[in-house]
Amino acid sequence: MNHDSRIYVAGHRGLAGSAIERRLVAGGYNKLIHRTHAELDLTDQKEVDDFFSREKPEYVFLAAAKVGGIYANNTYPAEFIYQNLMIETNVIHASYRHGVKKLMFLSSSCIYPKYAPQPMKEEHLLTGTLEPTNEPYAIAKITGIKMCAAYNRQHGSNFMSVMPTNLYGPGDNYDLENSHVLPALIRRMHEAKIKDAKEVVVWGSGTPKREFLYSDDVADACVFLMERYDASDIGEFVNIGVGKELTILELAELIADVVDFRGELVFDRSKPDGTPRKLLDVTRLYALGWQAKTSIKDGIKMAYQNYLDISKN
């Protein structure tokens, strides 16, 4: 890519997409293309094809997706598989039809088997049963990876896939029912502090371990890879993470400290835990020359400030 390249960021208002756009602007890229959902429905094949025909993007970051936590995935499985499959197939096929030079597809760590060896290496994909609560979403994301690989093999495309770990940061979803665990806990603990509540309920046992990556770090990794590498350099896909994990209990305690919530943490064991561990092996990415910069505590501090800023509006 160069600074005058026409770059389309699909999902530019989302957590990852907005971070990628910030990183591109900071890097001096000046011909960014984006559309809101109201302006372009990515599940509509004709709309997407017409958009690519008119705008002729040279590079595409496919960060658009329907996302959510355990509750949302378990409650709306049909929506998660349908919408994600439609977005991926439409954007990837249109990129092929209209000569996009390079595309990057952002997948999700739920693509790995529920009991995959830890840390999870790229070659562990499709070696076991998926976590049932988010299987439809995972299957859609696996399809996106395989679709990029198939177009590369048959058509000589340059479509690469990346697999970020659990993301958080500016632009996150703080809805209590449909968000992921970290932003949901930030909101619950802040509201509990304001109300002087004595306790905050956390779903599950607190024992599952998770890895978290600040959104500006994943954006930096994505632009780093797009600038320097082709799909053939990284294999079918590459993990993006920090290579460190903590339990949900440790996460909750850390968020309580940042938010200054002094009450008790109560774990509701009737709620699902999800996959026991989801730690990524980032050996391949680190060998390419990139590492995350933001510590989990610093990231949570910035995410909490973002939540406070959003809450004022």
C-alpha atoms as a PDB file:
ATOM      1  CA  MET A   1       0.000   0.000   0.000  1.00  0.00           C
ATOM      2  CA  ASN A   2       1.047   3.593  -0.499  1.00  0.00           C
ATOM      3  CA  HIS A   3      -0.477   6.783   0.876  1.00  0.00           C
ATOM      4  CA  ASP A   4      -2.585   7.339  -2.251  1.00  0.00           C
ATOM      5  CA  SER A   5      -3.986   3.797  -2.394  1.00  0.00           C
ATOM      6  CA  ARG A   6      -7.755   3.467  -2.321  1.00  0.00           C
ATOM      7  CA  ILE A   7      -8.415   1.520   0.889  1.00  0.00           C
ATOM      8  CA  TYR A   8     -11.833   0.235   1.972  1.00  0.00           C
ATOM      9  CA  VAL A   9     -12.345  -0.480   5.674  1.00  0.00           C
ATOM     10  CA  ALA A  10     -15.486  -2.627   5.977  1.00  0.00           C
ATOM     11  CA  GLY A  11     -16.899  -2.193   9.477  1.00  0.00           C
ATOM     12  CA  HIS A  12     -15.161   1.131  10.152  1.00  0.00           C
ATOM     13  CA  ARG A  13     -17.486   1.931  13.062  1.00  0.00           C
ATOM     14  CA  GLY A  14     -16.807  -1.330  14.887  1.00  0.00           C
ATOM     15  CA  LEU A  15     -14.181  -2.042  17.500  1.00  0.00           C
ATOM     16  CA  ALA A  16     -11.500  -3.395  15.149  1.00  0.00           C
ATOM     17  CA  GLY A  17     -12.510  -1.402  12.064  1.00  0.00           C
ATOM     18  CA  SER A  18     -12.449   1.974  13.812  1.00  0.00           C
ATOM     19  CA  ALA A  19      -9.016   1.178  15.232  1.00  0.00           C
ATOM     20  CA  ILE A  20      -7.730   0.200  11.768  1.00  0.00           C
ATOM     21  CA  GLU A  21      -9.048   3.459  10.349  1.00  0.00           C
ATOM     22  CA  ARG A  22      -7.320   5.465  13.121  1.00  0.00           C
ATOM     23  CA  ARG A  23      -4.072   3.632  12.398  1.00  0.00           C
ATOM     24  CA  LEU A  24      -4.325   4.274   8.647  1.00  0.00           C
ATOM     25  CA  VAL A  25      -5.011   7.980   9.160  1.00  0.00           C
ATOM     26  CA  ALA A  26      -2.056   8.224  11.549  1.00  0.00           C
ATOM     27  CA  GLY A  27       0.073   6.456   8.931  1.00  0.00           C
ATOM     28  CA  GLY A  28      -0.691   9.089   6.295  1.00  0.00           C
ATOM     29  CA  TYR A  29      -3.129   7.108   4.127  1.00  0.00           C
ATOM     30  CA  ASN A  30      -5.456   9.687   2.597  1.00  0.00           C
ATOM     31  CA  LYS A  31      -7.889   7.824   0.321  1.00  0.00           C
ATOM     32  CA  LEU A  32      -9.920   5.804   2.779  1.00  0.00           C
ATOM     33  CA  ILE A  33     -13.320   4.498   1.709  1.00  0.00           C
ATOM     34  CA  HIS A  34     -16.083   3.522   4.103  1.00  0.00           C
ATOM     35  CA  ARG A  35     -19.843   3.227   4.325  1.00  0.00           C
ATOM     36  CA  THR A  36     -22.199   2.936   7.274  1.00  0.00           C
ATOM     37  CA  HIS A  37     -24.659   0.053   7.407  1.00  0.00           C
ATOM     38  CA  ALA A  38     -27.428   2.481   6.418  1.00  0.00           C
ATOM     39  CA  GLU A  39     -25.432   3.433   3.305  1.00  0.00           C
ATOM     40  CA  LEU A  40     -24.364  -0.091   2.308  1.00  0.00           C
ATOM     41  CA  ASP A  41     -25.893  -3.403   3.400  1.00  0.00           C
ATOM     42  CA  LEU A  42     -23.019  -5.889   3.190  1.00  0.00           C
ATOM     43  CA  THR A  43     -25.452  -8.825   3.285  1.00  0.00           C
ATOM     44  CA  ASP A  44     -26.902  -7.661  -0.065  1.00  0.00           C
ATOM     45  CA  GLN A  45     -24.821  -9.109  -2.916  1.00  0.00           C
ATOM     46  CA  LYS A  46     -25.927  -6.610  -5.567  1.00  0.00           C
ATOM     47  CA  GLU A  47     -25.343  -3.590  -3.323  1.00  0.00           C
ATOM     48  CA  VAL A  48     -21.848  -4.816  -2.504  1.00  0.00           C
ATOM     49  CA  ASP A  49     -20.976  -5.565  -6.119  1.00  0.00           C
ATOM     50  CA  ASP A  50     -22.259  -2.161  -7.271  1.00  0.00           C
ATOM     51  CA  PHE A  51     -20.240  -0.458  -4.519  1.00  0.00           C
ATOM     52  CA  PHE A  52     -17.009  -2.178  -5.596  1.00  0.00           C
ATOM     53  CA  SER A  53     -17.736  -1.344  -9.232  1.00  0.00           C
ATOM     54  CA  ARG A  54     -18.144   2.363  -8.422  1.00  0.00           C
ATOM     55  CA  GLU A  55     -15.440   2.868  -5.784  1.00  0.00           C
ATOM     56  CA  LYS A  56     -12.776   0.459  -7.113  1.00  0.00           C
ATOM     57  CA  PRO A  57     -10.899  -0.120  -3.824  1.00  0.00           C
ATOM     58  CA  GLU A  58      -7.360  -1.450  -4.215  1.00  0.00           C
ATOM     59  CA  TYR A  59      -7.022  -2.758  -0.657  1.00  0.00           C
ATOM     60  CA  VAL A  60      -9.715  -4.074   1.681  1.00  0.00           C
ATOM     61  CA  PHE A  61      -9.789  -4.633   5.441  1.00  0.00           C
ATOM     62  CA  LEU A  62     -12.791  -6.889   6.111  1.00  0.00           C
ATOM     63  CA  ALA A  63     -13.536  -6.112   9.762  1.00  0.00           C
ATOM     64  CA  ALA A  64     -17.332  -5.990   9.423  1.00  0.00           C
ATOM     65  CA  ALA A  65     -19.151  -8.712  11.357  1.00  0.00           C
ATOM     66  CA  LYS A  66     -22.053  -9.435  13.660  1.00  0.00           C
ATOM     67  CA  VAL A  67     -20.400 -10.019  17.031  1.00  0.00           C
ATOM     68  CA  GLY A  68     -21.416 -10.591  20.638  1.00  0.00           C
ATOM     69  CA  GLY A  69     -20.709 -12.456  23.846  1.00  0.00           C
ATOM     70  CA  ILE A  70     -21.902 -15.856  25.068  1.00  0.00           C
ATOM     71  CA  TYR A  71     -25.496 -14.717  25.680  1.00  0.00           C
ATOM     72  CA  ALA A  72     -25.890 -13.152  22.228  1.00  0.00           C
ATOM     73  CA  ASN A  73     -24.282 -16.094  20.408  1.00  0.00           C
ATOM     74  CA  ASN A  74     -26.432 -18.595  22.297  1.00  0.00           C
ATOM     75  CA  THR A  75     -29.654 -16.601  21.786  1.00  0.00           C
ATOM     76  CA  TYR A  76     -29.327 -15.601  18.121  1.00  0.00           C
ATOM     77  CA  PRO A  77     -27.375 -18.433  16.423  1.00  0.00           C
ATOM     78  CA  ALA A  78     -29.221 -18.125  13.104  1.00  0.00           C
ATOM     79  CA  GLU A  79     -28.462 -14.411  12.847  1.00  0.00           C
ATOM     80  CA  PHE A  80     -24.806 -14.971  13.670  1.00  0.00           C
ATOM     81  CA  ILE A  81     -24.233 -17.609  11.005  1.00  0.00           C
ATOM     82  CA  TYR A  82     -26.388 -15.989   8.309  1.00  0.00           C
ATOM     83  CA  GLN A  83     -25.181 -12.403   8.585  1.00  0.00           C
ATOM     84  CA  ASN A  84     -21.513 -13.275   8.890  1.00  0.00           C
ATOM     85  CA  LEU A  85     -21.590 -15.719   5.992  1.00  0.00           C
ATOM     86  CA  MET A  86     -23.335 -13.170   3.768  1.00  0.00           C
ATOM     87  CA  ILE A  87     -20.929 -10.344   4.656  1.00  0.00           C
ATOM     88  CA  GLU A  88     -17.854 -12.490   4.018  1.00  0.00           C
ATOM     89  CA  THR A  89     -18.970 -14.103   0.784  1.00  0.00           C
ATOM     90  CA  ASN A  90     -20.191 -10.830  -0.715  1.00  0.00           C
ATOM     91  CA  VAL A  91     -17.099  -8.779   0.125  1.00  0.00           C
ATOM     92  CA  ILE A  92     -14.548 -11.492  -0.738  1.00  0.00           C
ATOM     93  CA  HIS A  93     -16.222 -12.360  -4.051  1.00  0.00           C
ATOM     94  CA  ALA A  94     -16.621  -8.698  -5.014  1.00  0.00           C
ATOM     95  CA  SER A  95     -12.952  -8.125  -4.190  1.00  0.00           C
ATOM     96  CA  TYR A  96     -12.051 -10.904  -6.605  1.00  0.00           C
ATOM     97  CA  ARG A  97     -14.418  -9.705  -9.329  1.00  0.00           C
ATOM     98  CA  HIS A  98     -13.181  -6.124  -9.186  1.00  0.00           C
ATOM     99  CA  GLY A  99      -9.458  -6.755  -8.957  1.00  0.00           C
ATOM    100  CA  VAL A 100      -8.638  -5.851  -5.363  1.00  0.00           C
ATOM    101  CA  LYS A 101      -4.859  -6.110  -4.938  1.00  0.00           C
ATOM    102  CA  LYS A 102      -4.936  -7.340  -1.355  1.00  0.00           C
ATOM    103  CA  LEU A 103      -7.650  -8.171   1.181  1.00  0.00           C
ATOM    104  CA  MET A 104      -7.373  -8.874   4.888  1.00  0.00           C
ATOM    105  CA  PHE A 105     -10.133 -10.889   6.582  1.00  0.00           C
ATOM    106  CA  LEU A 106     -10.420 -10.636  10.380  1.00  0.00           C
ATOM    107  CA  SER A 107     -11.525 -13.897  11.964  1.00  0.00           C
ATOM    108  CA  SER A 108     -12.082 -14.830  15.642  1.00  0.00           C
ATOM    109  CA  SER A 109     -10.433 -17.058  18.244  1.00  0.00           C
ATOM    110  CA  CYS A 110     -13.647 -19.099  18.565  1.00  0.00           C
ATOM    111  CA  ILE A 111     -12.622 -20.892  15.348  1.00  0.00           C
ATOM    112  CA  TYR A 112     -10.424 -23.218  17.419  1.00  0.00           C
ATOM    113  CA  PRO A 113     -11.738 -26.446  18.995  1.00  0.00           C
ATOM    114  CA  LYS A 114     -13.163 -26.156  22.516  1.00  0.00           C
ATOM    115  CA  TYR A 115     -10.390 -28.352  23.910  1.00  0.00           C
ATOM    116  CA  ALA A 116      -7.583 -27.315  21.584  1.00  0.00           C
ATOM    117  CA  PRO A 117      -4.028 -27.699  22.940  1.00  0.00           C
ATOM    118  CA  GLN A 118      -2.774 -24.555  24.649  1.00  0.00           C
ATOM    119  CA  PRO A 119      -1.448 -22.225  23.416  1.00  0.00           C
ATOM    120  CA  MET A 120      -3.459 -22.611  20.211  1.00  0.00           C
ATOM    121  CA  LYS A 121      -1.392 -22.819  17.034  1.00  0.00           C
ATOM    122  CA  GLU A 122      -2.683 -22.080  13.550  1.00  0.00           C
ATOM    123  CA  GLU A 123      -2.468 -25.774  12.660  1.00  0.00           C
ATOM    124  CA  HIS A 124      -4.994 -26.645  15.416  1.00  0.00           C
ATOM    125  CA  LEU A 125      -7.847 -25.373  13.232  1.00  0.00           C
ATOM    126  CA  LEU A 126     -10.453 -28.096  12.490  1.00  0.00           C
ATOM    127  CA  THR A 127      -8.813 -30.669  14.753  1.00  0.00           C
ATOM    128  CA  GLY A 128     -11.721 -30.991  17.213  1.00  0.00           C
ATOM    129  CA  THR A 129     -15.270 -30.042  18.230  1.00  0.00           C
ATOM    130  CA  LEU A 130     -16.154 -26.364  18.544  1.00  0.00           C
ATOM    131  CA  GLU A 131     -17.595 -24.670  21.636  1.00  0.00           C
ATOM    132  CA  PRO A 132     -21.405 -25.206  21.252  1.00  0.00           C
ATOM    133  CA  THR A 133     -22.453 -21.728  22.454  1.00  0.00           C
ATOM    134  CA  ASN A 134     -20.772 -19.955  19.533  1.00  0.00           C
ATOM    135  CA  GLU A 135     -20.468 -22.740  16.953  1.00  0.00           C
ATOM    136  CA  PRO A 136     -22.560 -20.938  14.251  1.00  0.00           C
ATOM    137  CA  TYR A 137     -20.371 -17.822  14.491  1.00  0.00           C
ATOM    138  CA  ALA A 138     -17.207 -19.938  14.490  1.00  0.00           C
ATOM    139  CA  ILE A 139     -18.301 -21.873  11.402  1.00  0.00           C
ATOM    140  CA  ALA A 140     -18.951 -18.601   9.576  1.00  0.00           C
ATOM    141  CA  LYS A 141     -15.488 -17.325  10.477  1.00  0.00           C
ATOM    142  CA  ILE A 142     -13.815 -20.594   9.455  1.00  0.00           C
ATOM    143  CA  THR A 143     -15.643 -20.312   6.146  1.00  0.00           C
ATOM    144  CA  GLY A 144     -14.161 -16.857   5.607  1.00  0.00           C
ATOM    145  CA  ILE A 145     -10.632 -18.174   6.149  1.00  0.00           C
ATOM    146  CA  LYS A 146     -11.195 -21.115   3.808  1.00  0.00           C
ATOM    147  CA  MET A 147     -12.815 -18.880   1.201  1.00  0.00           C
ATOM    148  CA  CYS A 148      -9.782 -16.582   1.104  1.00  0.00           C
ATOM    149  CA  ALA A 149      -7.493 -19.612   0.765  1.00  0.00           C
ATOM    150  CA  ALA A 150      -9.657 -21.086  -2.019  1.00  0.00           C
ATOM    151  CA  TYR A 151      -9.654 -17.857  -4.044  1.00  0.00           C
ATOM    152  CA  ASN A 152      -5.892 -17.603  -3.623  1.00  0.00           C
ATOM    153  CA  ARG A 153      -5.420 -21.160  -4.856  1.00  0.00           C
ATOM    154  CA  GLN A 154      -7.824 -21.010  -7.790  1.00  0.00           C
ATOM    155  CA  HIS A 155      -7.571 -17.385  -8.881  1.00  0.00           C
ATOM    156  CA  GLY A 156      -4.158 -16.257  -7.619  1.00  0.00           C
ATOM    157  CA  SER A 157      -5.745 -13.676  -5.322  1.00  0.00           C
ATOM    158  CA  ASN A 158      -3.842 -12.062  -2.453  1.00  0.00           C
ATOM    159  CA  PHE A 159      -6.410 -12.507   0.313  1.00  0.00           C
ATOM    160  CA  MET A 160      -4.923 -12.999   3.788  1.00  0.00           C
ATOM    161  CA  SER A 161      -6.681 -13.935   7.026  1.00  0.00           C
ATOM    162  CA  VAL A 162      -5.754 -12.927  10.571  1.00  0.00           C
ATOM    163  CA  MET A 163      -7.063 -14.352  13.814  1.00  0.00           C
ATOM    164  CA  PRO A 164      -7.166 -11.745  16.603  1.00  0.00           C
ATOM    165  CA  THR A 165      -7.715 -12.820  20.186  1.00  0.00           C
ATOM    166  CA  ASN A 166     -10.416 -11.195  22.367  1.00  0.00           C
ATOM    167  CA  LEU A 167     -10.442  -7.461  21.606  1.00  0.00           C
ATOM    168  CA  TYR A 168     -11.406  -4.464  23.732  1.00  0.00           C
ATOM    169  CA  GLY A 169     -10.937  -0.710  23.552  1.00  0.00           C
ATOM    170  CA  PRO A 170     -12.505   2.488  22.132  1.00  0.00           C
ATOM    171  CA  GLY A 171     -15.754   1.865  20.287  1.00  0.00           C
ATOM    172  CA  ASP A 172     -16.555  -1.318  22.220  1.00  0.00           C
ATOM    173  CA  ASN A 173     -20.102  -2.516  22.868  1.00  0.00           C
ATOM    174  CA  TYR A 174     -21.071  -1.973  26.512  1.00  0.00           C
ATOM    175  CA  ASP A 175     -24.548  -3.500  26.293  1.00  0.00           C
ATOM    176  CA  LEU A 176     -25.048  -5.698  29.356  1.00  0.00           C
ATOM    177  CA  GLU A 177     -26.682  -8.592  27.495  1.00  0.00           C
ATOM    178  CA  ASN A 178     -24.924  -8.652  24.137  1.00  0.00           C
ATOM    179  CA  SER A 179     -21.377  -7.465  24.852  1.00  0.00           C
ATOM    180  CA  HIS A 180     -18.229  -9.430  25.609  1.00  0.00           C
ATOM    181  CA  VAL A 181     -17.052 -10.014  29.165  1.00  0.00           C
ATOM    182  CA  LEU A 182     -14.540  -7.164  29.555  1.00  0.00           C
ATOM    183  CA  PRO A 183     -16.752  -4.220  28.475  1.00  0.00           C
ATOM    184  CA  ALA A 184     -19.744  -5.736  30.285  1.00  0.00           C
ATOM    185  CA  LEU A 185     -17.771  -5.875  33.539  1.00  0.00           C
ATOM    186  CA  ILE A 186     -16.570  -2.294  33.099  1.00  0.00           C
ATOM    187  CA  ARG A 187     -20.167  -1.107  32.841  1.00  0.00           C
ATOM    188  CA  ARG A 188     -21.486  -3.306  35.653  1.00  0.00           C
ATOM    189  CA  MET A 189     -18.795  -2.213  38.066  1.00  0.00           C
ATOM    190  CA  HIS A 190     -19.090   1.459  37.175  1.00  0.00           C
ATOM    191  CA  GLU A 191     -22.862   1.404  37.666  1.00  0.00           C
ATOM    192  CA  ALA A 192     -22.444  -0.538  40.925  1.00  0.00           C
ATOM    193  CA  LYS A 193     -19.959   2.058  42.164  1.00  0.00           C
ATOM    194  CA  ILE A 194     -22.326   4.928  41.304  1.00  0.00           C
ATOM    195  CA  LYS A 195     -25.212   3.184  43.092  1.00  0.00           C
ATOM    196  CA  ASP A 196     -22.984   2.196  46.017  1.00  0.00           C
ATOM    197  CA  ALA A 197     -24.004  -1.439  45.433  1.00  0.00           C
ATOM    198  CA  LYS A 198     -22.474  -4.105  47.662  1.00  0.00           C
ATOM    199  CA  GLU A 199     -21.829  -6.681  44.954  1.00  0.00           C
ATOM    200  CA  VAL A 200     -21.444  -7.310  41.227  1.00  0.00           C
ATOM    201  CA  VAL A 201     -22.540 -10.595  39.673  1.00  0.00           C
ATOM    202  CA  VAL A 202     -20.099 -12.158  37.196  1.00  0.00           C
ATOM    203  CA  TRP A 203     -21.270 -14.927  34.862  1.00  0.00           C
ATOM    204  CA  GLY A 204     -19.758 -18.377  35.339  1.00  0.00           C
ATOM    205  CA  SER A 205     -17.246 -19.762  37.795  1.00  0.00           C
ATOM    206  CA  GLY A 206     -14.441 -17.260  37.171  1.00  0.00           C
ATOM    207  CA  THR A 207     -11.999 -20.060  36.335  1.00  0.00           C
ATOM    208  CA  PRO A 208     -11.870 -19.881  32.490  1.00  0.00           C
ATOM    209  CA  LYS A 209      -8.750 -18.199  31.163  1.00  0.00           C
ATOM    210  CA  ARG A 210      -8.789 -15.575  28.429  1.00  0.00           C
ATOM    211  CA  GLU A 211      -6.332 -13.486  26.461  1.00  0.00           C
ATOM    212  CA  PHE A 212      -7.154  -9.844  25.710  1.00  0.00           C
ATOM    213  CA  LEU A 213      -5.716  -7.504  23.071  1.00  0.00           C
ATOM    214  CA  TYR A 214      -6.202  -3.736  22.952  1.00  0.00           C
ATOM    215  CA  SER A 215      -7.909  -2.686  19.711  1.00  0.00           C
ATOM    216  CA  ASP A 216      -5.229  -0.189  18.666  1.00  0.00           C
ATOM    217  CA  ASP A 217      -2.669  -2.986  18.928  1.00  0.00           C
ATOM    218  CA  VAL A 218      -4.609  -5.287  16.592  1.00  0.00           C
ATOM    219  CA  ALA A 219      -4.967  -2.397  14.150  1.00  0.00           C
ATOM    220  CA  ASP A 220      -1.224  -1.836  14.221  1.00  0.00           C
ATOM    221  CA  ALA A 221      -0.648  -5.548  13.554  1.00  0.00           C
ATOM    222  CA  CYS A 222      -3.115  -5.567  10.634  1.00  0.00           C
ATOM    223  CA  VAL A 223      -1.543  -2.554   8.929  1.00  0.00           C
ATOM    224  CA  PHE A 224       1.942  -3.951   9.627  1.00  0.00           C
ATOM    225  CA  LEU A 225       1.043  -7.192   7.831  1.00  0.00           C
ATOM    226  CA  MET A 226      -0.733  -5.479   4.923  1.00  0.00           C
ATOM    227  CA  GLU A 227       2.215  -3.170   4.325  1.00  0.00           C
ATOM    228  CA  ARG A 228       4.916  -5.837   4.445  1.00  0.00           C
ATOM    229  CA  TYR A 229       3.525  -9.266   3.588  1.00  0.00           C
ATOM    230  CA  ASP A 230       1.427 -11.211   1.110  1.00  0.00           C
ATOM    231  CA  ALA A 231      -0.957 -14.065   1.879  1.00  0.00           C
ATOM    232  CA  SER A 232       1.656 -16.568   0.730  1.00  0.00           C
ATOM    233  CA  ASP A 233       4.084 -15.266   3.377  1.00  0.00           C
ATOM    234  CA  ILE A 234       1.871 -15.928   6.391  1.00  0.00           C
ATOM    235  CA  GLY A 235       0.194 -19.252   5.522  1.00  0.00           C
ATOM    236  CA  GLU A 236      -3.557 -19.797   5.571  1.00  0.00           C
ATOM    237  CA  PHE A 237      -3.911 -17.347   8.482  1.00  0.00           C
ATOM    238  CA  VAL A 238      -1.891 -15.921  11.362  1.00  0.00           C
ATOM    239  CA  ASN A 239      -2.796 -15.443  15.042  1.00  0.00           C
ATOM    240  CA  ILE A 240      -2.711 -11.933  16.518  1.00  0.00           C
ATOM    241  CA  GLY A 241      -2.442 -11.797  20.296  1.00  0.00           C
ATOM    242  CA  VAL A 242      -0.238 -11.060  23.287  1.00  0.00           C
ATOM    243  CA  GLY A 243       0.611 -14.637  24.292  1.00  0.00           C
ATOM    244  CA  LYS A 244      -0.563 -14.056  27.900  1.00  0.00           C
ATOM    245  CA  GLU A 245      -3.783 -15.023  29.676  1.00  0.00           C
ATOM    246  CA  LEU A 246      -5.630 -14.416  32.943  1.00  0.00           C
ATOM    247  CA  THR A 247      -8.663 -15.960  34.605  1.00  0.00           C
ATOM    248  CA  ILE A 248     -12.042 -14.245  34.505  1.00  0.00           C
ATOM    249  CA  LEU A 249     -11.668 -13.822  38.282  1.00  0.00           C
ATOM    250  CA  GLU A 250      -8.339 -12.046  37.793  1.00  0.00           C
ATOM    251  CA  LEU A 251      -9.871  -9.914  35.050  1.00  0.00           C
ATOM    252  CA  ALA A 252     -12.809  -8.958  37.268  1.00  0.00           C
ATOM    253  CA  GLU A 253     -10.480  -8.024  40.119  1.00  0.00           C
ATOM    254  CA  LEU A 254      -8.352  -5.923  37.773  1.00  0.00           C
ATOM    255  CA  ILE A 255     -11.389  -4.074  36.399  1.00  0.00           C
ATOM    256  CA  ALA A 256     -12.695  -3.508  39.949  1.00  0.00           C
ATOM    257  CA  ASP A 257      -9.350  -1.932  40.836  1.00  0.00           C
ATOM    258  CA  VAL A 258      -9.360   0.361  37.775  1.00  0.00           C
ATOM    259  CA  VAL A 259     -13.010   1.369  38.253  1.00  0.00           C
ATOM    260  CA  ASP A 260     -12.526   1.647  42.036  1.00  0.00           C
ATOM    261  CA  PHE A 261     -15.410  -0.668  42.850  1.00  0.00           C
ATOM    262  CA  ARG A 262     -15.011  -1.775  46.475  1.00  0.00           C
ATOM    263  CA  GLY A 263     -17.847  -4.294  46.732  1.00  0.00           C
ATOM    264  CA  GLU A 264     -17.910  -8.093  46.473  1.00  0.00           C
ATOM    265  CA  LEU A 265     -17.604 -10.118  43.276  1.00  0.00           C
ATOM    266  CA  VAL A 266     -20.244 -12.882  43.144  1.00  0.00           C
ATOM    267  CA  PHE A 267     -19.884 -15.622  40.525  1.00  0.00           C
ATOM    268  CA  ASP A 268     -23.098 -17.067  39.087  1.00  0.00           C
ATOM    269  CA  ARG A 269     -22.185 -20.675  38.327  1.00  0.00           C
ATOM    270  CA  SER A 270     -25.565 -21.292  36.664  1.00  0.00           C
ATOM    271  CA  LYS A 271     -24.301 -19.264  33.690  1.00  0.00           C
ATOM    272  CA  PRO A 272     -22.066 -20.854  31.019  1.00  0.00           C
ATOM    273  CA  ASP A 273     -18.284 -20.609  31.223  1.00  0.00           C
ATOM    274  CA  GLY A 274     -17.599 -21.235  27.553  1.00  0.00           C
ATOM    275  CA  THR A 275     -14.248 -22.640  26.449  1.00  0.00           C
ATOM    276  CA  PRO A 276     -11.910 -23.337  29.426  1.00  0.00           C
ATOM    277  CA  ARG A 277      -8.865 -21.662  27.841  1.00  0.00           C
ATOM    278  CA  LYS A 278      -8.255 -19.605  24.695  1.00  0.00           C
ATOM    279  CA  LEU A 279      -4.586 -18.656  24.580  1.00  0.00           C
ATOM    280  CA  LEU A 280      -3.055 -18.026  21.173  1.00  0.00           C
ATOM    281  CA  ASP A 281       0.380 -19.115  20.063  1.00  0.00           C
ATOM    282  CA  VAL A 282       1.824 -15.949  18.513  1.00  0.00           C
ATOM    283  CA  THR A 283       5.161 -17.447  17.462  1.00  0.00           C
ATOM    284  CA  ARG A 284       4.446 -17.001  13.751  1.00  0.00           C
ATOM    285  CA  LEU A 285       3.457 -13.329  14.127  1.00  0.00           C
ATOM    286  CA  TYR A 286       6.382 -12.476  16.391  1.00  0.00           C
ATOM    287  CA  ALA A 287       8.752 -14.089  13.882  1.00  0.00           C
ATOM    288  CA  LEU A 288       7.367 -11.685  11.264  1.00  0.00           C
ATOM    289  CA  GLY A 289       8.501  -8.779  13.449  1.00  0.00           C
ATOM    290  CA  TRP A 290       5.460  -7.517  15.398  1.00  0.00           C
ATOM    291  CA  GLN A 291       4.579  -7.542  19.113  1.00  0.00           C
ATOM    292  CA  ALA A 292       1.761  -5.965  21.130  1.00  0.00           C
ATOM    293  CA  LYS A 293       2.603  -2.818  23.084  1.00  0.00           C
ATOM    294  CA  THR A 294      -0.324  -2.222  25.483  1.00  0.00           C
ATOM    295  CA  SER A 295      -0.436  -3.935  28.896  1.00  0.00           C
ATOM    296  CA  ILE A 296      -3.795  -5.271  30.076  1.00  0.00           C
ATOM    297  CA  LYS A 297      -4.003  -2.766  32.960  1.00  0.00           C
ATOM    298  CA  ASP A 298      -3.152   0.229  30.787  1.00  0.00           C
ATOM    299  CA  GLY A 299      -5.634  -0.984  28.181  1.00  0.00           C
ATOM    300  CA  ILE A 300      -8.430  -1.330  30.750  1.00  0.00           C
ATOM    301  CA  LYS A 301      -7.707   2.185  32.026  1.00  0.00           C
ATOM    302  CA  MET A 302      -8.098   3.582  28.501  1.00  0.00           C
ATOM    303  CA  ALA A 303     -11.205   1.457  27.852  1.00  0.00           C
ATOM    304  CA  TYR A 304     -12.792   2.690  31.095  1.00  0.00           C
ATOM    305  CA  GLN A 305     -12.090   6.300  30.134  1.00  0.00           C
ATOM    306  CA  ASN A 306     -13.706   5.605  26.768  1.00  0.00           C
ATOM    307  CA  TYR A 307     -16.779   4.213  28.537  1.00  0.00           C
ATOM    308  CA  LEU A 308     -16.981   7.336  30.725  1.00  0.00           C
ATOM    309  CA  ASP A 309     -16.737   9.550  27.645  1.00  0.00           C
ATOM    310  CA  ILE A 310     -19.496   7.581  25.906  1.00  0.00           C
ATOM    311  CA  SER A 311     -21.704   7.665  29.017  1.00  0.00           C
ATOM    312  CA  LYS A 312     -21.655  11.471  29.080  1.00  0.00           C
ATOM    313  CA  ASN A 313     -23.216  11.705  25.611  1.00  0.00           C
END
